[in-house]
């Protein structure tokens, strides 16, 4: 799963690939975070965390890329996103669609050194959208990370070969949980929005890469998969034969179900979940939630965040 060699045509030299593959302990985290934002965590989040013990608060969140088009421009949505994240205080957030400047805003609003993040643009460097992973530095320590592209050339930055016109990729991190001492893998992705063949091949590649990880370590997979849970080969490839479980289905309790993509229109009860948090079969899921937070009619994104409180 490590990056080994990229073509000059892709603009990436072998030395850069080797740098991506090196463990974090050897070179430091090439993540990005800005100075602390204003305010403090909510009383609700502090109260909720009091009885959680060693549970990990996880979230998958398609941010909707930053745009300047009212009434849902990023400047209008940013304060709502900030309020949502400060209220929930996730330990681990897999984000999709974020642009570099937008992710820097979120890092500033979450506050450093409390939070940091890891990611690269899907076209390389700071270009295009990120599968950025934000993490609470008081709880999680990244040990290694890398990226691969959902194509026939997964080591080639910016590659897209399965009929999708948009570049698709995965960012993964191996963390140590500082509270429990246990390690885990986290993979974060965004499958194509138009091509079902691309989605199916993406699921097969992710499943293959999961098979190459240390089987003793639990794994969490966050993403916008662009197909509804259940009844699709993409879902069946990932949640089949005991490989992974759907935290929404295995949760001991859950919130009301809504379609996770709403497009700034009225929410759809019992709608399609296209944003999932998947986990190893032995991971205990205390609660799953589709978060409908909005302020003055403004949602933080055109997707609803999905959350899971898990014990590894």
Protein backbone atom coordinates (compact mmCIF):
# COMPACT_ATOMS: atom_id res chain seq x y z
CA UNK A 1 0.00 0.00 0.00
CA UNK A 2 3.00 2.26 0.13
CA UNK A 3 3.83 4.63 -2.68
CA UNK A 4 6.86 3.35 -4.56
CA UNK A 5 7.20 4.88 -8.00
CA UNK A 6 5.33 7.51 -9.97
CA UNK A 7 5.84 8.47 -13.59
CA UNK A 8 7.32 11.81 -14.62
CA UNK A 9 4.23 12.23 -16.74
CA UNK A 10 2.27 12.51 -13.51
CA UNK A 11 4.68 15.17 -12.31
CA UNK A 12 5.84 13.13 -9.30
CA UNK A 13 9.38 11.85 -8.93
CA UNK A 14 10.43 8.65 -7.21
CA UNK A 15 11.93 10.60 -4.31
CA UNK A 16 8.56 12.17 -3.54
CA UNK A 17 6.94 8.75 -3.60
CA UNK A 18 9.50 7.41 -1.18
CA UNK A 19 8.78 10.32 1.15
CA UNK A 20 5.08 9.43 1.16
CA UNK A 21 5.89 5.87 2.10
CA UNK A 22 8.16 6.62 5.08
CA UNK A 23 6.71 6.04 8.57
CA UNK A 24 5.68 9.18 10.42
CA UNK A 25 8.05 8.41 13.25
CA UNK A 26 10.94 8.87 10.84
CA UNK A 27 9.90 12.14 9.27
CA UNK A 28 7.11 13.80 11.23
CA UNK A 29 3.51 14.33 10.22
CA UNK A 30 3.10 16.27 6.98
CA UNK A 31 -0.36 17.27 8.05
CA UNK A 32 -1.65 20.80 8.31
CA UNK A 33 -3.32 22.71 11.10
CA UNK A 34 -3.71 26.39 11.85
CA UNK A 35 -3.75 28.34 15.10
CA UNK A 36 -6.60 27.86 17.51
CA UNK A 37 -9.98 29.32 16.71
CA UNK A 38 -12.26 31.12 19.07
CA UNK A 39 -14.53 29.62 21.71
CA UNK A 40 -14.54 26.32 23.58
CA UNK A 41 -16.06 22.85 23.28
CA UNK A 42 -19.74 22.66 24.07
CA UNK A 43 -21.12 21.61 27.42
CA UNK A 44 -23.17 18.97 25.58
CA UNK A 45 -20.05 17.31 24.18
CA UNK A 46 -18.25 17.43 27.54
CA UNK A 47 -21.24 15.89 29.26
CA UNK A 48 -21.64 13.22 26.60
CA UNK A 49 -17.98 12.27 26.87
CA UNK A 50 -18.07 11.80 30.61
CA UNK A 51 -19.56 8.29 30.46
CA UNK A 52 -17.88 7.06 27.29
CA UNK A 53 -14.83 5.44 28.89
CA UNK A 54 -12.49 4.24 26.16
CA UNK A 55 -15.00 4.69 23.33
CA UNK A 56 -13.88 6.54 20.21
CA UNK A 57 -16.07 9.24 18.65
CA UNK A 58 -15.86 8.85 14.87
CA UNK A 59 -17.43 10.80 12.02
CA UNK A 60 -17.60 10.70 8.24
CA UNK A 61 -18.40 14.07 6.71
CA UNK A 62 -18.65 15.13 3.08
CA UNK A 63 -17.91 18.83 3.53
CA UNK A 64 -19.14 20.03 0.14
CA UNK A 65 -16.21 21.77 -1.50
CA UNK A 66 -15.81 25.47 -0.81
CA UNK A 67 -17.67 27.71 -3.23
CA UNK A 68 -18.60 31.37 -3.30
CA UNK A 69 -22.17 30.83 -4.48
CA UNK A 70 -24.86 32.01 -2.03
CA UNK A 71 -26.92 30.93 -0.20
CA UNK A 72 -24.65 27.99 0.63
CA UNK A 73 -21.21 29.44 0.07
CA UNK A 74 -18.35 28.33 2.28
CA UNK A 75 -18.23 31.69 4.13
CA UNK A 76 -21.90 31.14 5.01
CA UNK A 77 -21.44 27.49 5.96
CA UNK A 78 -18.16 27.78 7.84
CA UNK A 79 -19.62 29.10 11.13
CA UNK A 80 -22.20 26.29 11.12
CA UNK A 81 -19.51 23.69 10.44
CA UNK A 82 -17.40 25.14 13.25
CA UNK A 83 -20.34 24.98 15.66
CA UNK A 84 -21.16 21.41 14.67
CA UNK A 85 -17.62 20.10 15.14
CA UNK A 86 -17.07 21.92 18.41
CA UNK A 87 -20.35 20.55 19.69
CA UNK A 88 -19.59 16.95 18.76
CA UNK A 89 -15.82 16.90 19.39
CA UNK A 90 -15.06 13.79 17.30
CA UNK A 91 -11.80 12.02 17.96
CA UNK A 92 -11.54 10.97 14.31
CA UNK A 93 -13.11 12.58 11.23
CA UNK A 94 -12.89 11.26 7.69
CA UNK A 95 -13.74 14.17 5.38
CA UNK A 96 -14.48 14.24 1.68
CA UNK A 97 -14.41 17.06 -0.91
CA UNK A 98 -12.50 19.54 1.20
CA UNK A 99 -10.25 21.98 -0.64
CA UNK A 100 -6.92 23.03 0.83
CA UNK A 101 -7.93 26.53 1.98
CA UNK A 102 -11.21 25.13 3.33
CA UNK A 103 -9.39 22.45 5.33
CA UNK A 104 -7.07 25.10 6.77
CA UNK A 105 -10.18 27.00 7.90
CA UNK A 106 -11.54 23.90 9.61
CA UNK A 107 -8.19 23.23 11.27
CA UNK A 108 -8.17 26.80 12.58
CA UNK A 109 -11.70 26.45 13.87
CA UNK A 110 -10.97 23.13 15.61
CA UNK A 111 -7.80 24.58 17.13
CA UNK A 112 -4.21 23.45 17.34
CA UNK A 113 -2.64 21.61 19.11
CA UNK A 114 -5.95 19.94 20.04
CA UNK A 115 -6.51 18.77 16.43
CA UNK A 116 -4.30 18.06 13.45
CA UNK A 117 -4.92 16.56 10.02
CA UNK A 118 -3.41 14.41 7.30
CA UNK A 119 -4.12 14.49 3.58
CA UNK A 120 -3.07 15.34 0.06
CA UNK A 121 -4.98 16.71 -2.91
CA UNK A 122 -6.23 14.01 -5.24
CA UNK A 123 -4.37 15.71 -8.12
CA UNK A 124 -1.24 15.92 -5.94
CA UNK A 125 0.00 18.43 -3.38
CA UNK A 126 -2.65 21.03 -2.56
CA UNK A 127 -4.51 20.54 -5.84
CA UNK A 128 -8.12 19.39 -6.06
CA UNK A 129 -10.19 17.78 -3.31
CA UNK A 130 -8.77 15.94 -0.29
CA UNK A 131 -9.76 12.82 1.64
CA UNK A 132 -8.44 14.58 4.74
CA UNK A 133 -8.37 12.85 8.11
CA UNK A 134 -8.70 15.07 11.18
CA UNK A 135 -7.80 13.63 14.58
CA UNK A 136 -7.75 14.65 18.22
CA UNK A 137 -4.06 14.72 19.14
CA UNK A 138 -4.86 14.09 22.81
CA UNK A 139 -6.42 10.77 21.86
CA UNK A 140 -4.75 9.52 18.66
CA UNK A 141 -1.13 9.36 17.52
CA UNK A 142 -0.50 8.70 13.80
CA UNK A 143 2.20 6.06 13.28
CA UNK A 144 2.17 5.88 9.49
CA UNK A 145 -0.01 6.97 6.62
CA UNK A 146 -0.22 6.86 2.85
CA UNK A 147 -2.56 7.40 -0.09
CA UNK A 148 -3.60 5.35 -3.10
CA UNK A 149 -5.68 6.15 -6.13
CA UNK A 150 -8.75 4.23 -7.24
CA UNK A 151 -7.52 3.14 -10.64
CA UNK A 152 -5.46 0.49 -12.42
CA UNK A 153 -2.44 2.51 -11.27
CA UNK A 154 -3.11 3.06 -7.57
CA UNK A 155 0.40 4.39 -6.94
CA UNK A 156 0.09 7.04 -9.64
CA UNK A 157 -1.09 10.36 -8.24
CA UNK A 158 -4.07 11.70 -10.14
CA UNK A 159 -4.77 8.47 -12.05
CA UNK A 160 -8.32 7.63 -13.17
CA UNK A 161 -8.76 4.63 -15.46
CA UNK A 162 -12.15 3.05 -14.71
CA UNK A 163 -14.46 5.34 -16.64
CA UNK A 164 -14.75 8.00 -13.95
CA UNK A 165 -14.01 11.53 -15.09
CA UNK A 166 -13.23 12.63 -11.52
CA UNK A 167 -10.09 11.47 -9.71
CA UNK A 168 -10.88 9.20 -6.77
CA UNK A 169 -8.55 8.13 -3.97
CA UNK A 170 -8.06 6.75 -0.46
CA UNK A 171 -6.10 8.19 2.47
CA UNK A 172 -5.21 5.73 5.24
CA UNK A 173 -3.60 6.13 8.64
CA UNK A 174 -2.41 3.71 11.31
CA UNK A 175 -3.09 5.27 14.70
CA UNK A 176 -2.26 4.45 18.28
CA UNK A 177 -5.06 5.16 20.71
CA UNK A 178 -3.32 7.05 23.50
CA UNK A 179 -6.03 6.18 26.00
CA UNK A 180 -6.01 2.41 25.49
CA UNK A 181 -2.61 1.82 23.87
CA UNK A 182 -4.27 -0.11 21.05
CA UNK A 183 -3.61 0.50 17.37
CA UNK A 184 -6.09 0.77 14.53
CA UNK A 185 -6.25 1.46 10.82
CA UNK A 186 -8.46 4.18 9.39
CA UNK A 187 -9.23 4.40 5.66
CA UNK A 188 -11.12 7.35 4.23
CA UNK A 189 -12.48 7.56 0.68
CA UNK A 190 -15.00 9.01 -1.78
CA UNK A 191 -16.27 6.77 -4.59
CA UNK A 192 -17.34 8.08 -7.97
CA UNK A 193 -20.71 9.79 -8.30
CA UNK A 194 -21.50 8.67 -11.87
CA UNK A 195 -19.82 5.37 -12.78
CA UNK A 196 -21.10 2.17 -11.16
CA UNK A 197 -18.28 0.10 -12.76
CA UNK A 198 -15.78 2.51 -11.21
CA UNK A 199 -17.45 2.17 -7.81
CA UNK A 200 -17.42 -1.63 -8.02
CA UNK A 201 -13.74 -1.75 -8.94
CA UNK A 202 -12.98 0.80 -6.23
CA UNK A 203 -14.68 -1.42 -3.65
CA UNK A 204 -12.70 -4.42 -4.86
CA UNK A 205 -9.41 -2.51 -4.60
CA UNK A 206 -10.22 -1.25 -1.10
CA UNK A 207 -11.15 -4.79 -0.02
CA UNK A 208 -7.89 -6.09 -1.48
CA UNK A 209 -5.83 -3.45 0.31
CA UNK A 210 -7.61 -4.18 3.58
CA UNK A 211 -6.55 -7.79 3.18
CA UNK A 212 -2.92 -6.68 3.14
CA UNK A 213 -3.11 -4.92 6.52
CA UNK A 214 -2.16 -6.47 9.84
CA UNK A 215 -5.18 -8.68 10.60
CA UNK A 216 -4.68 -8.25 14.34
CA UNK A 217 -5.56 -4.55 14.18
CA UNK A 218 -9.12 -3.24 13.95
CA UNK A 219 -10.03 -0.99 11.06
CA UNK A 220 -12.51 1.80 10.47
CA UNK A 221 -13.54 2.89 6.98
CA UNK A 222 -15.25 6.22 6.42
CA UNK A 223 -16.54 7.56 3.16
CA UNK A 224 -19.11 8.84 0.74
CA UNK A 225 -19.73 5.74 -1.37
CA UNK A 226 -22.38 7.27 -3.63
CA UNK A 227 -24.61 4.20 -3.45
CA UNK A 228 -27.18 3.33 -0.80
CA UNK A 229 -26.31 0.82 1.87
CA UNK A 230 -27.69 -2.66 1.09
CA UNK A 231 -28.67 -4.00 -2.29
CA UNK A 232 -25.64 -2.86 -4.27
CA UNK A 233 -22.50 -4.80 -5.31
CA UNK A 234 -20.34 -2.01 -3.88
CA UNK A 235 -21.83 -2.53 -0.43
CA UNK A 236 -21.78 -6.30 -0.77
CA UNK A 237 -18.06 -6.30 -1.65
CA UNK A 238 -17.15 -4.36 1.48
CA UNK A 239 -19.78 -5.69 3.88
CA UNK A 240 -19.75 -9.37 3.02
CA UNK A 241 -18.27 -12.63 4.18
CA UNK A 242 -17.48 -11.13 7.55
CA UNK A 243 -14.94 -8.66 6.16
CA UNK A 244 -16.52 -5.50 7.55
CA UNK A 245 -19.68 -4.51 9.32
CA UNK A 246 -21.92 -1.50 8.85
CA UNK A 247 -21.85 0.45 12.12
CA UNK A 248 -25.37 1.70 11.50
CA UNK A 249 -26.67 -1.88 11.50
CA UNK A 250 -24.57 -3.17 14.40
CA UNK A 251 -25.07 -0.19 16.71
CA UNK A 252 -26.66 -0.84 20.08
CA UNK A 253 -28.68 2.35 19.59
CA UNK A 254 -29.12 4.78 16.73
CA UNK A 255 -30.73 8.07 15.80
CA UNK A 256 -33.55 8.57 13.34
CA UNK A 257 -32.63 7.60 9.79
CA UNK A 258 -32.42 10.27 7.09
CA UNK A 259 -31.03 10.30 3.59
CA UNK A 260 -27.45 11.43 4.11
CA UNK A 261 -27.40 13.55 0.94
CA UNK A 262 -30.01 16.31 1.03
CA UNK A 263 -28.71 18.91 -1.42
CA UNK A 264 -29.98 21.72 0.86
CA UNK A 265 -33.54 20.53 0.36
CA UNK A 266 -35.93 19.21 3.04
CA UNK A 267 -34.57 16.16 4.81
CA UNK A 268 -35.88 12.76 3.72
CA UNK A 269 -36.78 10.44 6.65
CA UNK A 270 -35.85 6.79 6.09
CA UNK A 271 -33.93 7.81 2.98
CA UNK A 272 -30.77 6.36 1.45
CA UNK A 273 -27.54 6.22 3.42
CA UNK A 274 -24.72 6.79 0.96
CA UNK A 275 -22.24 7.90 3.66
CA UNK A 276 -21.05 5.03 5.83
CA UNK A 277 -18.76 4.13 8.68
CA UNK A 278 -17.66 0.52 8.35
CA UNK A 279 -15.70 -1.42 10.94
CA UNK A 280 -14.07 -4.73 11.73
CA UNK A 281 -16.56 -7.34 12.95
CA UNK A 282 -15.20 -7.31 16.51
CA UNK A 283 -15.58 -3.55 16.95
CA UNK A 284 -18.38 -2.76 19.39
CA UNK A 285 -20.64 0.06 18.20
CA UNK A 286 -22.38 1.75 21.09
CA UNK A 287 -24.32 4.27 19.03
CA UNK A 288 -24.72 5.44 15.45
CA UNK A 289 -26.15 8.79 14.46
CA UNK A 290 -27.02 10.82 11.40
CA UNK A 291 -26.47 14.39 12.53
CA UNK A 292 -29.06 16.90 11.34
CA UNK A 293 -27.51 19.97 12.95
CA UNK A 294 -28.36 23.26 11.23
CA UNK A 295 -28.48 26.88 12.35
CA UNK A 296 -31.00 29.42 11.11
CA UNK A 297 -31.86 27.07 8.27
CA UNK A 298 -28.23 26.73 7.15
CA UNK A 299 -26.69 23.27 7.02
CA UNK A 300 -22.92 22.88 7.20
CA UNK A 301 -22.93 20.83 3.98
CA UNK A 302 -25.20 19.21 1.41
CA UNK A 303 -24.50 15.91 3.22
CA UNK A 304 -25.37 15.02 6.80
CA UNK A 305 -22.44 13.85 8.92
CA UNK A 306 -22.65 10.24 10.06
CA UNK A 307 -21.22 9.36 13.47
CA UNK A 308 -20.43 6.21 15.42
CA UNK A 309 -19.30 5.75 19.00
CA UNK A 310 -17.11 2.65 18.96
CA UNK A 311 -15.02 0.45 21.24
CA UNK A 312 -12.09 -1.15 19.46
